[in-house]
Amino acid sequence: MSRPSYIRRPTEVAAIRAAARSARPIPSIPSLMAALVDASERRDREGAVLCAHRVVRASEPEVGE
């Protein structure tokens, strides 16, 4: 009987580093504002805060760097 092969999986740190190296396009401000309005209408506090922060980061690229 053959021994099962071991499949290497990236660690969490390696996966985060790989994601940080890849360029991701920033969504447009109108689409982020629409998501913010949608989250507010649904009373999704976490979604509204996330969208608000994304709007600020999209409008001012130097914020958070």
PDB file of N, CA and C in Angstrom:
ATOM      1  N   MET A   1       0.844  -1.167   0.000  1.00  0.00           N
ATOM      2  CA  MET A   1       0.000   0.000   0.000  1.00  0.00           C
ATOM      3  C   MET A   1       0.895   1.238   0.000  1.00  0.00           C
ATOM      4  N   SER A   2       0.576   2.173  -0.862  1.00  0.00           N
ATOM      5  CA  SER A   2       1.410   3.371  -0.973  1.00  0.00           C
ATOM      6  C   SER A   2       1.048   4.388   0.106  1.00  0.00           C
ATOM      7  N   ARG A   3       2.040   5.115   0.476  1.00  0.00           N
ATOM      8  CA  ARG A   3       1.860   6.145   1.489  1.00  0.00           C
ATOM      9  C   ARG A   3       1.152   7.358   0.865  1.00  0.00           C
ATOM     10  N   PRO A   4       0.175   7.948   1.539  1.00  0.00           N
ATOM     11  CA  PRO A   4      -0.506   9.106   0.959  1.00  0.00           C
ATOM     12  C   PRO A   4       0.460  10.275   0.789  1.00  0.00           C
ATOM     13  N   SER A   5       0.332  10.967  -0.310  1.00  0.00           N
ATOM     14  CA  SER A   5       1.233  12.102  -0.549  1.00  0.00           C
ATOM     15  C   SER A   5       0.785  13.305   0.284  1.00  0.00           C
ATOM     16  N   TYR A   6       1.752  14.059   0.709  1.00  0.00           N
ATOM     17  CA  TYR A   6       1.484  15.235   1.521  1.00  0.00           C
ATOM     18  C   TYR A   6       1.373  16.449   0.600  1.00  0.00           C
ATOM     19  N   ILE A   7       0.297  17.161   0.694  1.00  0.00           N
ATOM     20  CA  ILE A   7       0.096  18.365  -0.110  1.00  0.00           C
ATOM     21  C   ILE A   7       0.462  19.572   0.735  1.00  0.00           C
ATOM     22  N   ARG A   8       1.460  20.293   0.284  1.00  0.00           N
ATOM     23  CA  ARG A   8       1.894  21.477   1.024  1.00  0.00           C
ATOM     24  C   ARG A   8       0.892  22.598   0.810  1.00  0.00           C
ATOM     25  N   ARG A   9       0.516  23.228   1.878  1.00  0.00           N
ATOM     26  CA  ARG A   9      -0.383  24.371   1.819  1.00  0.00           C
ATOM     27  C   ARG A   9       0.333  25.566   2.423  1.00  0.00           C
ATOM     28  N   PRO A  10       0.105  26.760   1.867  1.00  0.00           N
ATOM     29  CA  PRO A  10       0.787  27.933   2.410  1.00  0.00           C
ATOM     30  C   PRO A  10       0.300  28.240   3.817  1.00  0.00           C
ATOM     31  N   THR A  11       1.183  28.741   4.601  1.00  0.00           N
ATOM     32  CA  THR A  11       0.788  29.156   5.941  1.00  0.00           C
ATOM     33  C   THR A  11       0.024  30.465   5.842  1.00  0.00           C
ATOM     34  N   GLU A  12      -0.570  30.849   6.921  1.00  0.00           N
ATOM     35  CA  GLU A  12      -1.339  32.094   6.921  1.00  0.00           C
ATOM     36  C   GLU A  12      -0.440  33.290   6.617  1.00  0.00           C
ATOM     37  N   VAL A  13       0.745  33.305   7.183  1.00  0.00           N
ATOM     38  CA  VAL A  13       1.666  34.419   6.953  1.00  0.00           C
ATOM     39  C   VAL A  13       2.079  34.476   5.485  1.00  0.00           C
ATOM     40  N   ALA A  14       2.373  33.334   4.887  1.00  0.00           N
ATOM     41  CA  ALA A  14       2.765  33.306   3.486  1.00  0.00           C
ATOM     42  C   ALA A  14       1.611  33.752   2.588  1.00  0.00           C
ATOM     43  N   ALA A  15       0.399  33.369   2.921  1.00  0.00           N
ATOM     44  CA  ALA A  15      -0.756  33.771   2.125  1.00  0.00           C
ATOM     45  C   ALA A  15      -0.992  35.276   2.223  1.00  0.00           C
ATOM     46  N   ILE A  16      -0.821  35.834   3.404  1.00  0.00           N
ATOM     47  CA  ILE A  16      -0.991  37.280   3.579  1.00  0.00           C
ATOM     48  C   ILE A  16       0.086  38.033   2.814  1.00  0.00           C
ATOM     49  N   ARG A  17       1.313  37.551   2.858  1.00  0.00           N
ATOM     50  CA  ARG A  17       2.396  38.193   2.106  1.00  0.00           C
ATOM     51  C   ARG A  17       2.127  38.150   0.607  1.00  0.00           C
ATOM     52  N   ALA A  18       1.647  37.021   0.128  1.00  0.00           N
ATOM     53  CA  ALA A  18       1.348  36.896  -1.297  1.00  0.00           C
ATOM     54  C   ALA A  18       0.221  37.845  -1.701  1.00  0.00           C
ATOM     55  N   ALA A  19      -0.787  37.976  -0.870  1.00  0.00           N
ATOM     56  CA  ALA A  19      -1.890  38.891  -1.170  1.00  0.00           C
ATOM     57  C   ALA A  19      -1.425  40.338  -1.133  1.00  0.00           C
ATOM     58  N   ALA A  20      -0.506  40.651  -0.234  1.00  0.00           N
ATOM     59  CA  ALA A  20      -0.003  42.019  -0.132  1.00  0.00           C
ATOM     60  C   ALA A  20       0.835  42.394  -1.347  1.00  0.00           C
ATOM     61  N   ARG A  21       1.469  41.422  -1.977  1.00  0.00           N
ATOM     62  CA  ARG A  21       2.298  41.692  -3.154  1.00  0.00           C
ATOM     63  C   ARG A  21       1.464  41.938  -4.400  1.00  0.00           C
ATOM     64  N   SER A  22       0.253  41.397  -4.448  1.00  0.00           N
ATOM     65  CA  SER A  22      -0.565  41.542  -5.648  1.00  0.00           C
ATOM     66  C   SER A  22      -1.306  42.885  -5.617  1.00  0.00           C
ATOM     67  N   ALA A  23      -1.337  43.521  -6.760  1.00  0.00           N
ATOM     68  CA  ALA A  23      -2.029  44.809  -6.864  1.00  0.00           C
ATOM     69  C   ALA A  23      -3.519  44.558  -7.050  1.00  0.00           C
ATOM     70  N   ARG A  24      -4.294  45.219  -6.230  1.00  0.00           N
ATOM     71  CA  ARG A  24      -5.743  45.104  -6.344  1.00  0.00           C
ATOM     72  C   ARG A  24      -6.308  46.463  -6.697  1.00  0.00           C
ATOM     73  N   PRO A  25      -7.165  46.525  -7.706  1.00  0.00           N
ATOM     74  CA  PRO A  25      -7.741  47.819  -8.065  1.00  0.00           C
ATOM     75  C   PRO A  25      -8.697  48.308  -6.973  1.00  0.00           C
ATOM     76  N   ILE A  26      -8.673  49.600  -6.752  1.00  0.00           N
ATOM     77  CA  ILE A  26      -9.562  50.203  -5.759  1.00  0.00           C
ATOM     78  C   ILE A  26     -10.912  50.435  -6.430  1.00  0.00           C
ATOM     79  N   PRO A  27     -11.998  50.013  -5.802  1.00  0.00           N
ATOM     80  CA  PRO A  27     -13.319  50.256  -6.394  1.00  0.00           C
ATOM     81  C   PRO A  27     -13.582  51.755  -6.535  1.00  0.00           C
ATOM     82  N   SER A  28     -14.460  52.100  -7.451  1.00  0.00           N
ATOM     83  CA  SER A  28     -14.774  53.511  -7.654  1.00  0.00           C
ATOM     84  C   SER A  28     -15.569  54.053  -6.466  1.00  0.00           C
ATOM     85  N   ILE A  29     -15.442  55.346  -6.245  1.00  0.00           N
ATOM     86  CA  ILE A  29     -16.119  55.978  -5.113  1.00  0.00           C
ATOM     87  C   ILE A  29     -17.641  55.872  -5.245  1.00  0.00           C
ATOM     88  N   PRO A  30     -18.240  56.064  -6.439  1.00  0.00           N
ATOM     89  CA  PRO A  30     -19.700  55.900  -6.537  1.00  0.00           C
ATOM     90  C   PRO A  30     -20.181  54.495  -6.149  1.00  0.00           C
ATOM     91  N   SER A  31     -19.423  53.465  -6.532  1.00  0.00           N
ATOM     92  CA  SER A  31     -19.848  52.108  -6.164  1.00  0.00           C
ATOM     93  C   SER A  31     -19.694  51.878  -4.660  1.00  0.00           C
ATOM     94  N   LEU A  32     -18.659  52.470  -4.077  1.00  0.00           N
ATOM     95  CA  LEU A  32     -18.493  52.349  -2.625  1.00  0.00           C
ATOM     96  C   LEU A  32     -19.592  53.104  -1.878  1.00  0.00           C
ATOM     97  N   MET A  33     -19.967  54.268  -2.387  1.00  0.00           N
ATOM     98  CA  MET A  33     -21.051  55.030  -1.754  1.00  0.00           C
ATOM     99  C   MET A  33     -22.381  54.276  -1.865  1.00  0.00           C
ATOM    100  N   ALA A  34     -22.609  53.621  -2.996  1.00  0.00           N
ATOM    101  CA  ALA A  34     -23.825  52.819  -3.156  1.00  0.00           C
ATOM    102  C   ALA A  34     -23.836  51.665  -2.148  1.00  0.00           C
ATOM    103  N   ALA A  35     -22.685  51.046  -1.944  1.00  0.00           N
ATOM    104  CA  ALA A  35     -22.593  49.971  -0.948  1.00  0.00           C
ATOM    105  C   ALA A  35     -22.808  50.513   0.458  1.00  0.00           C
ATOM    106  N   LEU A  36     -22.326  51.731   0.718  1.00  0.00           N
ATOM    107  CA  LEU A  36     -22.534  52.363   2.021  1.00  0.00           C
ATOM    108  C   LEU A  36     -24.013  52.631   2.266  1.00  0.00           C
ATOM    109  N   VAL A  37     -24.706  53.147   1.266  1.00  0.00           N
ATOM    110  CA  VAL A  37     -26.145  53.396   1.389  1.00  0.00           C
ATOM    111  C   VAL A  37     -26.887  52.086   1.602  1.00  0.00           C
ATOM    112  N   ASP A  38     -26.514  51.068   0.861  1.00  0.00           N
ATOM    113  CA  ASP A  38     -27.153  49.755   0.998  1.00  0.00           C
ATOM    114  C   ASP A  38     -26.941  49.187   2.403  1.00  0.00           C
ATOM    115  N   ALA A  39     -25.724  49.298   2.920  1.00  0.00           N
ATOM    116  CA  ALA A  39     -25.445  48.792   4.265  1.00  0.00           C
ATOM    117  C   ALA A  39     -26.231  49.575   5.312  1.00  0.00           C
ATOM    118  N   SER A  40     -26.365  50.879   5.108  1.00  0.00           N
ATOM    119  CA  SER A  40     -27.125  51.698   6.058  1.00  0.00           C
ATOM    120  C   SER A  40     -28.606  51.323   6.042  1.00  0.00           C
ATOM    121  N   GLU A  41     -29.133  51.098   4.838  1.00  0.00           N
ATOM    122  CA  GLU A  41     -30.542  50.707   4.733  1.00  0.00           C
ATOM    123  C   GLU A  41     -30.808  49.359   5.389  1.00  0.00           C
ATOM    124  N   ARG A  42     -29.841  48.481   5.338  1.00  0.00           N
ATOM    125  CA  ARG A  42     -29.995  47.153   5.951  1.00  0.00           C
ATOM    126  C   ARG A  42     -29.636  47.140   7.435  1.00  0.00           C
ATOM    127  N   ARG A  43     -29.242  48.303   7.950  1.00  0.00           N
ATOM    128  CA  ARG A  43     -28.811  48.452   9.346  1.00  0.00           C
ATOM    129  C   ARG A  43     -27.620  47.536   9.665  1.00  0.00           C
ATOM    130  N   ASP A  44     -26.719  47.435   8.687  1.00  0.00           N
ATOM    131  CA  ASP A  44     -25.505  46.641   8.836  1.00  0.00           C
ATOM    132  C   ASP A  44     -24.392  47.576   9.290  1.00  0.00           C
ATOM    133  N   ARG A  45     -24.193  47.660  10.593  1.00  0.00           N
ATOM    134  CA  ARG A  45     -23.227  48.615  11.148  1.00  0.00           C
ATOM    135  C   ARG A  45     -21.802  48.314  10.688  1.00  0.00           C
ATOM    136  N   GLU A  46     -21.399  47.061  10.734  1.00  0.00           N
ATOM    137  CA  GLU A  46     -20.032  46.704  10.328  1.00  0.00           C
ATOM    138  C   GLU A  46     -19.809  46.977   8.845  1.00  0.00           C
ATOM    139  N   GLY A  47     -20.794  46.672   8.022  1.00  0.00           N
ATOM    140  CA  GLY A  47     -20.674  46.941   6.594  1.00  0.00           C
ATOM    141  C   GLY A  47     -20.589  48.431   6.302  1.00  0.00           C
ATOM    142  N   ALA A  48     -21.375  49.232   7.038  1.00  0.00           N
ATOM    143  CA  ALA A  48     -21.339  50.679   6.839  1.00  0.00           C
ATOM    144  C   ALA A  48     -19.980  51.251   7.236  1.00  0.00           C
ATOM    145  N   VAL A  49     -19.432  50.780   8.342  1.00  0.00           N
ATOM    146  CA  VAL A  49     -18.118  51.265   8.777  1.00  0.00           C
ATOM    147  C   VAL A  49     -17.047  50.858   7.769  1.00  0.00           C
ATOM    148  N   LEU A  50     -17.110  49.621   7.292  1.00  0.00           N
ATOM    149  CA  LEU A  50     -16.143  49.150   6.303  1.00  0.00           C
ATOM    150  C   LEU A  50     -16.225  49.978   5.024  1.00  0.00           C
ATOM    151  N   CYS A  51     -17.446  50.219   4.540  1.00  0.00           N
ATOM    152  CA  CYS A  51     -17.614  51.012   3.319  1.00  0.00           C
ATOM    153  C   CYS A  51     -17.141  52.443   3.513  1.00  0.00           C
ATOM    154  N   ALA A  52     -17.426  53.033   4.669  1.00  0.00           N
ATOM    155  CA  ALA A  52     -16.989  54.402   4.938  1.00  0.00           C
ATOM    156  C   ALA A  52     -15.468  54.494   4.928  1.00  0.00           C
ATOM    157  N   HIS A  53     -14.813  53.525   5.534  1.00  0.00           N
ATOM    158  CA  HIS A  53     -13.348  53.528   5.529  1.00  0.00           C
ATOM    159  C   HIS A  53     -12.798  53.351   4.119  1.00  0.00           C
ATOM    160  N   ARG A  54     -13.450  52.498   3.327  1.00  0.00           N
ATOM    161  CA  ARG A  54     -12.990  52.291   1.950  1.00  0.00           C
ATOM    162  C   ARG A  54     -13.171  53.551   1.110  1.00  0.00           C
ATOM    163  N   VAL A  55     -14.252  54.310   1.359  1.00  0.00           N
ATOM    164  CA  VAL A  55     -14.461  55.563   0.639  1.00  0.00           C
ATOM    165  C   VAL A  55     -13.329  56.536   0.941  1.00  0.00           C
ATOM    166  N   VAL A  56     -12.956  56.632   2.211  1.00  0.00           N
ATOM    167  CA  VAL A  56     -11.867  57.552   2.596  1.00  0.00           C
ATOM    168  C   VAL A  56     -10.558  57.110   1.956  1.00  0.00           C
ATOM    169  N   ARG A  57     -10.280  55.821   1.983  1.00  0.00           N
ATOM    170  CA  ARG A  57      -9.015  55.335   1.401  1.00  0.00           C
ATOM    171  C   ARG A  57      -8.996  55.520  -0.109  1.00  0.00           C
ATOM    172  N   ALA A  58     -10.159  55.400  -0.757  1.00  0.00           N
ATOM    173  CA  ALA A  58     -10.211  55.587  -2.217  1.00  0.00           C
ATOM    174  C   ALA A  58     -10.069  57.058  -2.597  1.00  0.00           C
ATOM    175  N   SER A  59     -10.601  57.939  -1.755  1.00  0.00           N
ATOM    176  CA  SER A  59     -10.533  59.363  -2.086  1.00  0.00           C
ATOM    177  C   SER A  59      -9.187  59.986  -1.721  1.00  0.00           C
ATOM    178  N   GLU A  60      -8.538  59.472  -0.702  1.00  0.00           N
ATOM    179  CA  GLU A  60      -7.242  59.978  -0.253  1.00  0.00           C
ATOM    180  C   GLU A  60      -6.259  58.822  -0.204  1.00  0.00           C
ATOM    181  N   PRO A  61      -5.559  58.519  -1.285  1.00  0.00           N
ATOM    182  CA  PRO A  61      -4.668  57.354  -1.339  1.00  0.00           C
ATOM    183  C   PRO A  61      -3.563  57.357  -0.290  1.00  0.00           C
ATOM    184  N   GLU A  62      -3.126  58.536   0.161  1.00  0.00           N
ATOM    185  CA  GLU A  62      -2.038  58.560   1.135  1.00  0.00           C
ATOM    186  C   GLU A  62      -2.501  58.215   2.544  1.00  0.00           C
ATOM    187  N   VAL A  63      -3.820  58.132   2.777  1.00  0.00           N
ATOM    188  CA  VAL A  63      -4.322  57.765   4.098  1.00  0.00           C
ATOM    189  C   VAL A  63      -4.036  56.295   4.348  1.00  0.00           C
ATOM    190  N   GLY A  64      -3.486  55.989   5.488  1.00  0.00           N
ATOM    191  CA  GLY A  64      -3.247  54.608   5.871  1.00  0.00           C
ATOM    192  C   GLY A  64      -1.994  53.980   5.305  1.00  0.00           C
ATOM    193  N   GLU A  65      -1.157  54.758   4.683  1.00  0.00           N
ATOM    194  CA  GLU A  65       0.065  54.174   4.135  1.00  0.00           C
ATOM    195  C   GLU A  65       1.230  54.390   5.046  1.00  0.00           C
TER     196      GLU A  65
END
